[in-house]
Amino acid sequence: MTQTAILEKDVLMDQRIAEAFNTVFQLPPEQLTDALTPQDVAGWDSLGHVRLVTQLQEQFGVEFDVDEIMRMENVGEIKKILASRA
């Protein structure tokens, strides 16, 4: 895979993650950073986390295991988990 293809894939993944956060938390894409945690987002509590996981699973066509769900402590970790599934 070329560098350009890798970058395009990363951008597409970022866009889809941003869509999930916008759908679940009404968070504008420009506010999404790798360091963003549940403490930074209104509604990202335990129920919000379940809603986010469900949205990500639907958008990416994957099913996360319990360990992956528990590791989703920030956006950067979500990206790592999704990248490992590609």
PDB file of N, CA and C in Angstrom:
ATOM      1  N   MET A   1       0.846  -1.175   0.000  1.00  0.00           N
ATOM      2  CA  MET A   1       0.000   0.000   0.000  1.00  0.00           C
ATOM      3  C   MET A   1       0.893   1.241   0.000  1.00  0.00           C
ATOM      4  N   THR A   2       0.579   2.180  -0.852  1.00  0.00           N
ATOM      5  CA  THR A   2       1.385   3.397  -0.954  1.00  0.00           C
ATOM      6  C   THR A   2       1.098   4.334   0.203  1.00  0.00           C
ATOM      7  N   GLN A   3       2.002   5.276   0.415  1.00  0.00           N
ATOM      8  CA  GLN A   3       1.811   6.277   1.473  1.00  0.00           C
ATOM      9  C   GLN A   3       0.518   7.049   1.264  1.00  0.00           C
ATOM     10  N   THR A   4       0.230   7.381   0.011  1.00  0.00           N
ATOM     11  CA  THR A   4      -0.993   8.123  -0.298  1.00  0.00           C
ATOM     12  C   THR A   4      -2.219   7.304   0.076  1.00  0.00           C
ATOM     13  N   ALA A   5      -2.204   6.026  -0.251  1.00  0.00           N
ATOM     14  CA  ALA A   5      -3.337   5.154   0.070  1.00  0.00           C
ATOM     15  C   ALA A   5      -3.511   5.020   1.578  1.00  0.00           C
ATOM     16  N   ILE A   6      -2.410   4.922   2.306  1.00  0.00           N
ATOM     17  CA  ILE A   6      -2.467   4.828   3.765  1.00  0.00           C
ATOM     18  C   ILE A   6      -3.055   6.103   4.360  1.00  0.00           C
ATOM     19  N   LEU A   7      -2.596   7.253   3.856  1.00  0.00           N
ATOM     20  CA  LEU A   7      -3.114   8.540   4.349  1.00  0.00           C
ATOM     21  C   LEU A   7      -4.604   8.685   4.056  1.00  0.00           C
ATOM     22  N   GLU A   8      -5.014   8.282   2.852  1.00  0.00           N
ATOM     23  CA  GLU A   8      -6.430   8.370   2.485  1.00  0.00           C
ATOM     24  C   GLU A   8      -7.272   7.470   3.388  1.00  0.00           C
ATOM     25  N   LYS A   9      -6.765   6.287   3.679  1.00  0.00           N
ATOM     26  CA  LYS A   9      -7.466   5.351   4.560  1.00  0.00           C
ATOM     27  C   LYS A   9      -7.598   5.942   5.963  1.00  0.00           C
ATOM     28  N   ASP A  10      -6.520   6.563   6.463  1.00  0.00           N
ATOM     29  CA  ASP A  10      -6.549   7.196   7.783  1.00  0.00           C
ATOM     30  C   ASP A  10      -7.551   8.346   7.820  1.00  0.00           C
ATOM     31  N   VAL A  11      -7.578   9.155   6.778  1.00  0.00           N
ATOM     32  CA  VAL A  11      -8.509  10.283   6.712  1.00  0.00           C
ATOM     33  C   VAL A  11      -9.947   9.767   6.695  1.00  0.00           C
ATOM     34  N   LEU A  12     -10.204   8.723   5.920  1.00  0.00           N
ATOM     35  CA  LEU A  12     -11.543   8.153   5.862  1.00  0.00           C
ATOM     36  C   LEU A  12     -11.957   7.602   7.228  1.00  0.00           C
ATOM     37  N   MET A  13     -11.033   6.923   7.908  1.00  0.00           N
ATOM     38  CA  MET A  13     -11.329   6.400   9.238  1.00  0.00           C
ATOM     39  C   MET A  13     -11.634   7.547  10.198  1.00  0.00           C
ATOM     40  N   ASP A  14     -10.826   8.604  10.157  1.00  0.00           N
ATOM     41  CA  ASP A  14     -11.052   9.770  11.019  1.00  0.00           C
ATOM     42  C   ASP A  14     -12.436  10.381  10.765  1.00  0.00           C
ATOM     43  N   GLN A  15     -12.818  10.470   9.505  1.00  0.00           N
ATOM     44  CA  GLN A  15     -14.119  11.040   9.158  1.00  0.00           C
ATOM     45  C   GLN A  15     -15.255  10.186   9.704  1.00  0.00           C
ATOM     46  N   ARG A  16     -15.113   8.874   9.593  1.00  0.00           N
ATOM     47  CA  ARG A  16     -16.155   7.974  10.080  1.00  0.00           C
ATOM     48  C   ARG A  16     -16.247   8.001  11.606  1.00  0.00           C
ATOM     49  N   ILE A  17     -15.115   8.107  12.278  1.00  0.00           N
ATOM     50  CA  ILE A  17     -15.121   8.236  13.736  1.00  0.00           C
ATOM     51  C   ILE A  17     -15.793   9.550  14.131  1.00  0.00           C
ATOM     52  N   ALA A  18     -15.463  10.614  13.422  1.00  0.00           N
ATOM     53  CA  ALA A  18     -16.072  11.921  13.693  1.00  0.00           C
ATOM     54  C   ALA A  18     -17.584  11.861  13.492  1.00  0.00           C
ATOM     55  N   GLU A  19     -18.027  11.149  12.469  1.00  0.00           N
ATOM     56  CA  GLU A  19     -19.465  10.989  12.237  1.00  0.00           C
ATOM     57  C   GLU A  19     -20.126  10.266  13.407  1.00  0.00           C
ATOM     58  N   ALA A  20     -19.457   9.236  13.921  1.00  0.00           N
ATOM     59  CA  ALA A  20     -20.005   8.490  15.056  1.00  0.00           C
ATOM     60  C   ALA A  20     -20.132   9.397  16.280  1.00  0.00           C
ATOM     61  N   PHE A  21     -19.102  10.181  16.558  1.00  0.00           N
ATOM     62  CA  PHE A  21     -19.150  11.092  17.701  1.00  0.00           C
ATOM     63  C   PHE A  21     -20.225  12.159  17.506  1.00  0.00           C
ATOM     64  N   ASN A  22     -20.396  12.608  16.280  1.00  0.00           N
ATOM     65  CA  ASN A  22     -21.425  13.603  16.015  1.00  0.00           C
ATOM     66  C   ASN A  22     -22.812  12.995  16.187  1.00  0.00           C
ATOM     67  N   THR A  23     -23.007  11.778  15.716  1.00  0.00           N
ATOM     68  CA  THR A  23     -24.299  11.108  15.842  1.00  0.00           C
ATOM     69  C   THR A  23     -24.659  10.859  17.300  1.00  0.00           C
ATOM     70  N   VAL A  24     -23.698  10.368  18.070  1.00  0.00           N
ATOM     71  CA  VAL A  24     -23.972   9.985  19.457  1.00  0.00           C
ATOM     72  C   VAL A  24     -23.966  11.176  20.410  1.00  0.00           C
ATOM     73  N   PHE A  25     -22.993  12.075  20.237  1.00  0.00           N
ATOM     74  CA  PHE A  25     -22.816  13.168  21.200  1.00  0.00           C
ATOM     75  C   PHE A  25     -23.039  14.563  20.621  1.00  0.00           C
ATOM     76  N   GLN A  26     -23.401  14.661  19.332  1.00  0.00           N
ATOM     77  CA  GLN A  26     -23.558  15.946  18.651  1.00  0.00           C
ATOM     78  C   GLN A  26     -22.279  16.779  18.762  1.00  0.00           C
ATOM     79  N   LEU A  27     -21.144  16.094  18.685  1.00  0.00           N
ATOM     80  CA  LEU A  27     -19.841  16.751  18.790  1.00  0.00           C
ATOM     81  C   LEU A  27     -19.361  17.151  17.396  1.00  0.00           C
ATOM     82  N   PRO A  28     -19.093  18.429  17.159  1.00  0.00           N
ATOM     83  CA  PRO A  28     -18.595  18.862  15.852  1.00  0.00           C
ATOM     84  C   PRO A  28     -17.241  18.199  15.544  1.00  0.00           C
ATOM     85  N   PRO A  29     -17.021  17.795  14.303  1.00  0.00           N
ATOM     86  CA  PRO A  29     -15.777  17.110  13.926  1.00  0.00           C
ATOM     87  C   PRO A  29     -14.508  17.866  14.297  1.00  0.00           C
ATOM     88  N   GLU A  30     -14.549  19.192  14.254  1.00  0.00           N
ATOM     89  CA  GLU A  30     -13.343  19.973  14.549  1.00  0.00           C
ATOM     90  C   GLU A  30     -12.941  19.890  16.027  1.00  0.00           C
ATOM     91  N   GLN A  31     -13.829  19.402  16.881  1.00  0.00           N
ATOM     92  CA  GLN A  31     -13.504  19.254  18.302  1.00  0.00           C
ATOM     93  C   GLN A  31     -12.897  17.889  18.626  1.00  0.00           C
ATOM     94  N   LEU A  32     -12.857  17.006  17.640  1.00  0.00           N
ATOM     95  CA  LEU A  32     -12.351  15.657  17.860  1.00  0.00           C
ATOM     96  C   LEU A  32     -10.826  15.634  17.767  1.00  0.00           C
ATOM     97  N   THR A  33     -10.183  15.211  18.860  1.00  0.00           N
ATOM     98  CA  THR A  33      -8.736  15.054  18.881  1.00  0.00           C
ATOM     99  C   THR A  33      -8.416  13.680  19.455  1.00  0.00           C
ATOM    100  N   ASP A  34      -7.205  13.201  19.206  1.00  0.00           N
ATOM    101  CA  ASP A  34      -6.814  11.896  19.732  1.00  0.00           C
ATOM    102  C   ASP A  34      -6.840  11.864  21.255  1.00  0.00           C
ATOM    103  N   ALA A  35      -6.632  13.000  21.894  1.00  0.00           N
ATOM    104  CA  ALA A  35      -6.573  13.069  23.353  1.00  0.00           C
ATOM    105  C   ALA A  35      -7.949  13.189  24.009  1.00  0.00           C
ATOM    106  N   LEU A  36      -9.003  13.323  23.207  1.00  0.00           N
ATOM    107  CA  LEU A  36     -10.347  13.502  23.739  1.00  0.00           C
ATOM    108  C   LEU A  36     -10.770  12.280  24.558  1.00  0.00           C
ATOM    109  N   THR A  37     -11.247  12.520  25.783  1.00  0.00           N
ATOM    110  CA  THR A  37     -11.645  11.450  26.698  1.00  0.00           C
ATOM    111  C   THR A  37     -13.103  11.642  27.120  1.00  0.00           C
ATOM    112  N   PRO A  38     -13.663  10.654  27.811  1.00  0.00           N
ATOM    113  CA  PRO A  38     -15.034  10.811  28.303  1.00  0.00           C
ATOM    114  C   PRO A  38     -15.215  12.040  29.196  1.00  0.00           C
ATOM    115  N   GLN A  39     -14.183  12.449  29.912  1.00  0.00           N
ATOM    116  CA  GLN A  39     -14.288  13.623  30.772  1.00  0.00           C
ATOM    117  C   GLN A  39     -14.462  14.913  29.966  1.00  0.00           C
ATOM    118  N   ASP A  40     -14.103  14.866  28.680  1.00  0.00           N
ATOM    119  CA  ASP A  40     -14.176  16.049  27.821  1.00  0.00           C
ATOM    120  C   ASP A  40     -15.497  16.187  27.071  1.00  0.00           C
ATOM    121  N   VAL A  41     -16.310  15.140  27.091  1.00  0.00           N
ATOM    122  CA  VAL A  41     -17.503  15.109  26.244  1.00  0.00           C
ATOM    123  C   VAL A  41     -18.750  14.895  27.105  1.00  0.00           C
ATOM    124  N   ALA A  42     -19.670  15.845  27.017  1.00  0.00           N
ATOM    125  CA  ALA A  42     -20.939  15.705  27.727  1.00  0.00           C
ATOM    126  C   ALA A  42     -21.675  14.475  27.200  1.00  0.00           C
ATOM    127  N   GLY A  43     -22.081  13.616  28.116  1.00  0.00           N
ATOM    128  CA  GLY A  43     -22.839  12.437  27.717  1.00  0.00           C
ATOM    129  C   GLY A  43     -22.003  11.190  27.496  1.00  0.00           C
ATOM    130  N   TRP A  44     -20.657  11.332  27.519  1.00  0.00           N
ATOM    131  CA  TRP A  44     -19.811  10.146  27.322  1.00  0.00           C
ATOM    132  C   TRP A  44     -19.609   9.482  28.683  1.00  0.00           C
ATOM    133  N   ASP A  45     -20.705   8.971  29.200  1.00  0.00           N
ATOM    134  CA  ASP A  45     -20.698   8.202  30.425  1.00  0.00           C
ATOM    135  C   ASP A  45     -20.826   6.728  30.040  1.00  0.00           C
ATOM    136  N   SER A  46     -21.182   5.859  30.959  1.00  0.00           N
ATOM    137  CA  SER A  46     -21.237   4.430  30.626  1.00  0.00           C
ATOM    138  C   SER A  46     -22.278   4.143  29.544  1.00  0.00           C
ATOM    139  N   LEU A  47     -23.442   4.759  29.630  1.00  0.00           N
ATOM    140  CA  LEU A  47     -24.464   4.557  28.598  1.00  0.00           C
ATOM    141  C   LEU A  47     -24.020   5.176  27.274  1.00  0.00           C
ATOM    142  N   GLY A  48     -23.436   6.353  27.342  1.00  0.00           N
ATOM    143  CA  GLY A  48     -22.921   6.991  26.128  1.00  0.00           C
ATOM    144  C   GLY A  48     -21.839   6.155  25.474  1.00  0.00           C
ATOM    145  N   HIS A  49     -21.029   5.495  26.289  1.00  0.00           N
ATOM    146  CA  HIS A  49     -19.964   4.635  25.754  1.00  0.00           C
ATOM    147  C   HIS A  49     -20.579   3.468  24.987  1.00  0.00           C
ATOM    148  N   VAL A  50     -21.624   2.873  25.537  1.00  0.00           N
ATOM    149  CA  VAL A  50     -22.310   1.770  24.855  1.00  0.00           C
ATOM    150  C   VAL A  50     -22.889   2.262  23.529  1.00  0.00           C
ATOM    151  N   ARG A  51     -23.490   3.439  23.542  1.00  0.00           N
ATOM    152  CA  ARG A  51     -24.057   4.002  22.310  1.00  0.00           C
ATOM    153  C   ARG A  51     -22.961   4.272  21.281  1.00  0.00           C
ATOM    154  N   LEU A  52     -21.817   4.788  21.740  1.00  0.00           N
ATOM    155  CA  LEU A  52     -20.701   5.054  20.833  1.00  0.00           C
ATOM    156  C   LEU A  52     -20.159   3.752  20.243  1.00  0.00           C
ATOM    157  N   VAL A  53     -19.956   2.759  21.077  1.00  0.00           N
ATOM    158  CA  VAL A  53     -19.449   1.466  20.610  1.00  0.00           C
ATOM    159  C   VAL A  53     -20.403   0.875  19.572  1.00  0.00           C
ATOM    160  N   THR A  54     -21.692   0.928  19.853  1.00  0.00           N
ATOM    161  CA  THR A  54     -22.692   0.414  18.914  1.00  0.00           C
ATOM    162  C   THR A  54     -22.619   1.159  17.584  1.00  0.00           C
ATOM    163  N   GLN A  55     -22.510   2.480  17.634  1.00  0.00           N
ATOM    164  CA  GLN A  55     -22.420   3.294  16.413  1.00  0.00           C
ATOM    165  C   GLN A  55     -21.157   2.952  15.623  1.00  0.00           C
ATOM    166  N   LEU A  56     -20.026   2.814  16.310  1.00  0.00           N
ATOM    167  CA  LEU A  56     -18.771   2.469  15.635  1.00  0.00           C
ATOM    168  C   LEU A  56     -18.864   1.080  14.997  1.00  0.00           C
ATOM    169  N   GLN A  57     -19.464   0.136  15.705  1.00  0.00           N
ATOM    170  CA  GLN A  57     -19.612  -1.213  15.156  1.00  0.00           C
ATOM    171  C   GLN A  57     -20.458  -1.188  13.888  1.00  0.00           C
ATOM    172  N   GLU A  58     -21.528  -0.412  13.906  1.00  0.00           N
ATOM    173  CA  GLU A  58     -22.385  -0.296  12.723  1.00  0.00           C
ATOM    174  C   GLU A  58     -21.648   0.374  11.573  1.00  0.00           C
ATOM    175  N   GLN A  59     -20.945   1.463  11.856  1.00  0.00           N
ATOM    176  CA  GLN A  59     -20.262   2.212  10.796  1.00  0.00           C
ATOM    177  C   GLN A  59     -19.102   1.446  10.184  1.00  0.00           C
ATOM    178  N   PHE A  60     -18.392   0.679  10.994  1.00  0.00           N
ATOM    179  CA  PHE A  60     -17.204  -0.009  10.504  1.00  0.00           C
ATOM    180  C   PHE A  60     -17.449  -1.489  10.214  1.00  0.00           C
ATOM    181  N   GLY A  61     -18.642  -1.984  10.509  1.00  0.00           N
ATOM    182  CA  GLY A  61     -18.953  -3.379  10.229  1.00  0.00           C
ATOM    183  C   GLY A  61     -18.094  -4.352  11.021  1.00  0.00           C
ATOM    184  N   VAL A  62     -17.815  -4.015  12.276  1.00  0.00           N
ATOM    185  CA  VAL A  62     -17.001  -4.864  13.146  1.00  0.00           C
ATOM    186  C   VAL A  62     -17.764  -5.130  14.438  1.00  0.00           C
ATOM    187  N   GLU A  63     -17.259  -6.077  15.199  1.00  0.00           N
ATOM    188  CA  GLU A  63     -17.788  -6.326  16.535  1.00  0.00           C
ATOM    189  C   GLU A  63     -16.612  -6.336  17.493  1.00  0.00           C
ATOM    190  N   PHE A  64     -16.624  -5.441  18.450  1.00  0.00           N
ATOM    191  CA  PHE A  64     -15.533  -5.328  19.406  1.00  0.00           C
ATOM    192  C   PHE A  64     -15.700  -6.347  20.520  1.00  0.00           C
ATOM    193  N   ASP A  65     -14.572  -6.855  21.009  1.00  0.00           N
ATOM    194  CA  ASP A  65     -14.652  -7.710  22.184  1.00  0.00           C
ATOM    195  C   ASP A  65     -14.581  -6.832  23.435  1.00  0.00           C
ATOM    196  N   VAL A  66     -14.833  -7.436  24.573  1.00  0.00           N
ATOM    197  CA  VAL A  66     -14.905  -6.693  25.832  1.00  0.00           C
ATOM    198  C   VAL A  66     -13.597  -5.951  26.125  1.00  0.00           C
ATOM    199  N   ASP A  67     -12.458  -6.598  25.881  1.00  0.00           N
ATOM    200  CA  ASP A  67     -11.167  -5.942  26.134  1.00  0.00           C
ATOM    201  C   ASP A  67     -11.006  -4.678  25.297  1.00  0.00           C
ATOM    202  N   GLU A  68     -11.401  -4.742  24.025  1.00  0.00           N
ATOM    203  CA  GLU A  68     -11.299  -3.566  23.151  1.00  0.00           C
ATOM    204  C   GLU A  68     -12.209  -2.447  23.655  1.00  0.00           C
ATOM    205  N   ILE A  69     -13.409  -2.802  24.048  1.00  0.00           N
ATOM    206  CA  ILE A  69     -14.359  -1.797  24.533  1.00  0.00           C
ATOM    207  C   ILE A  69     -13.814  -1.108  25.787  1.00  0.00           C
ATOM    208  N   MET A  70     -13.209  -1.878  26.657  1.00  0.00           N
ATOM    209  CA  MET A  70     -12.656  -1.317  27.894  1.00  0.00           C
ATOM    210  C   MET A  70     -11.440  -0.425  27.625  1.00  0.00           C
ATOM    211  N   ARG A  71     -10.694  -0.697  26.537  1.00  0.00           N
ATOM    212  CA  ARG A  71      -9.513   0.109  26.205  1.00  0.00           C
ATOM    213  C   ARG A  71      -9.868   1.429  25.527  1.00  0.00           C
ATOM    214  N   MET A  72     -11.099   1.614  25.129  1.00  0.00           N
ATOM    215  CA  MET A  72     -11.517   2.826  24.416  1.00  0.00           C
ATOM    216  C   MET A  72     -11.638   4.001  25.376  1.00  0.00           C
ATOM    217  N   GLU A  73     -10.494   4.438  25.916  1.00  0.00           N
ATOM    218  CA  GLU A  73     -10.475   5.515  26.899  1.00  0.00           C
ATOM    219  C   GLU A  73     -10.265   6.889  26.289  1.00  0.00           C
ATOM    220  N   ASN A  74      -9.926   6.933  25.002  1.00  0.00           N
ATOM    221  CA  ASN A  74      -9.782   8.206  24.290  1.00  0.00           C
ATOM    222  C   ASN A  74      -9.879   7.927  22.793  1.00  0.00           C
ATOM    223  N   VAL A  75      -9.973   8.966  22.010  1.00  0.00           N
ATOM    224  CA  VAL A  75     -10.155   8.815  20.565  1.00  0.00           C
ATOM    225  C   VAL A  75      -8.935   8.144  19.933  1.00  0.00           C
ATOM    226  N   GLY A  76      -7.746   8.467  20.404  1.00  0.00           N
ATOM    227  CA  GLY A  76      -6.535   7.849  19.859  1.00  0.00           C
ATOM    228  C   GLY A  76      -6.556   6.338  20.014  1.00  0.00           C
ATOM    229  N   GLU A  77      -7.018   5.857  21.161  1.00  0.00           N
ATOM    230  CA  GLU A  77      -7.096   4.410  21.386  1.00  0.00           C
ATOM    231  C   GLU A  77      -8.166   3.783  20.491  1.00  0.00           C
ATOM    232  N   ILE A  78      -9.263   4.477  20.281  1.00  0.00           N
ATOM    233  CA  ILE A  78     -10.303   3.986  19.362  1.00  0.00           C
ATOM    234  C   ILE A  78      -9.707   3.828  17.967  1.00  0.00           C
ATOM    235  N   LYS A  79      -8.918   4.805  17.535  1.00  0.00           N
ATOM    236  CA  LYS A  79      -8.281   4.722  16.213  1.00  0.00           C
ATOM    237  C   LYS A  79      -7.344   3.516  16.130  1.00  0.00           C
ATOM    238  N   LYS A  80      -6.542   3.285  17.181  1.00  0.00           N
ATOM    239  CA  LYS A  80      -5.632   2.147  17.185  1.00  0.00           C
ATOM    240  C   LYS A  80      -6.395   0.837  17.074  1.00  0.00           C
ATOM    241  N   ILE A  81      -7.470   0.720  17.813  1.00  0.00           N
ATOM    242  CA  ILE A  81      -8.266  -0.503  17.789  1.00  0.00           C
ATOM    243  C   ILE A  81      -8.863  -0.735  16.405  1.00  0.00           C
ATOM    244  N   LEU A  82      -9.422   0.324  15.815  1.00  0.00           N
ATOM    245  CA  LEU A  82      -9.991   0.191  14.476  1.00  0.00           C
ATOM    246  C   LEU A  82      -8.917  -0.092  13.423  1.00  0.00           C
ATOM    247  N   ALA A  83      -7.768   0.529  13.560  1.00  0.00           N
ATOM    248  CA  ALA A  83      -6.668   0.297  12.596  1.00  0.00           C
ATOM    249  C   ALA A  83      -6.201  -1.151  12.667  1.00  0.00           C
ATOM    250  N   SER A  84      -6.226  -1.737  13.844  1.00  0.00           N
ATOM    251  CA  SER A  84      -5.790  -3.128  13.981  1.00  0.00           C
ATOM    252  C   SER A  84      -6.782  -4.089  13.338  1.00  0.00           C
ATOM    253  N   ARG A  85      -7.980  -3.632  13.077  1.00  0.00           N
ATOM    254  CA  ARG A  85      -9.012  -4.448  12.449  1.00  0.00           C
ATOM    255  C   ARG A  85      -8.973  -4.378  10.931  1.00  0.00           C
ATOM    256  N   ALA A  86      -8.209  -3.436  10.405  1.00  0.00           N
ATOM    257  CA  ALA A  86      -8.186  -3.206   8.936  1.00  0.00           C
ATOM    258  C   ALA A  86      -7.359  -4.251   8.217  1.00  0.00           C
TER     259      ALA A  86
END
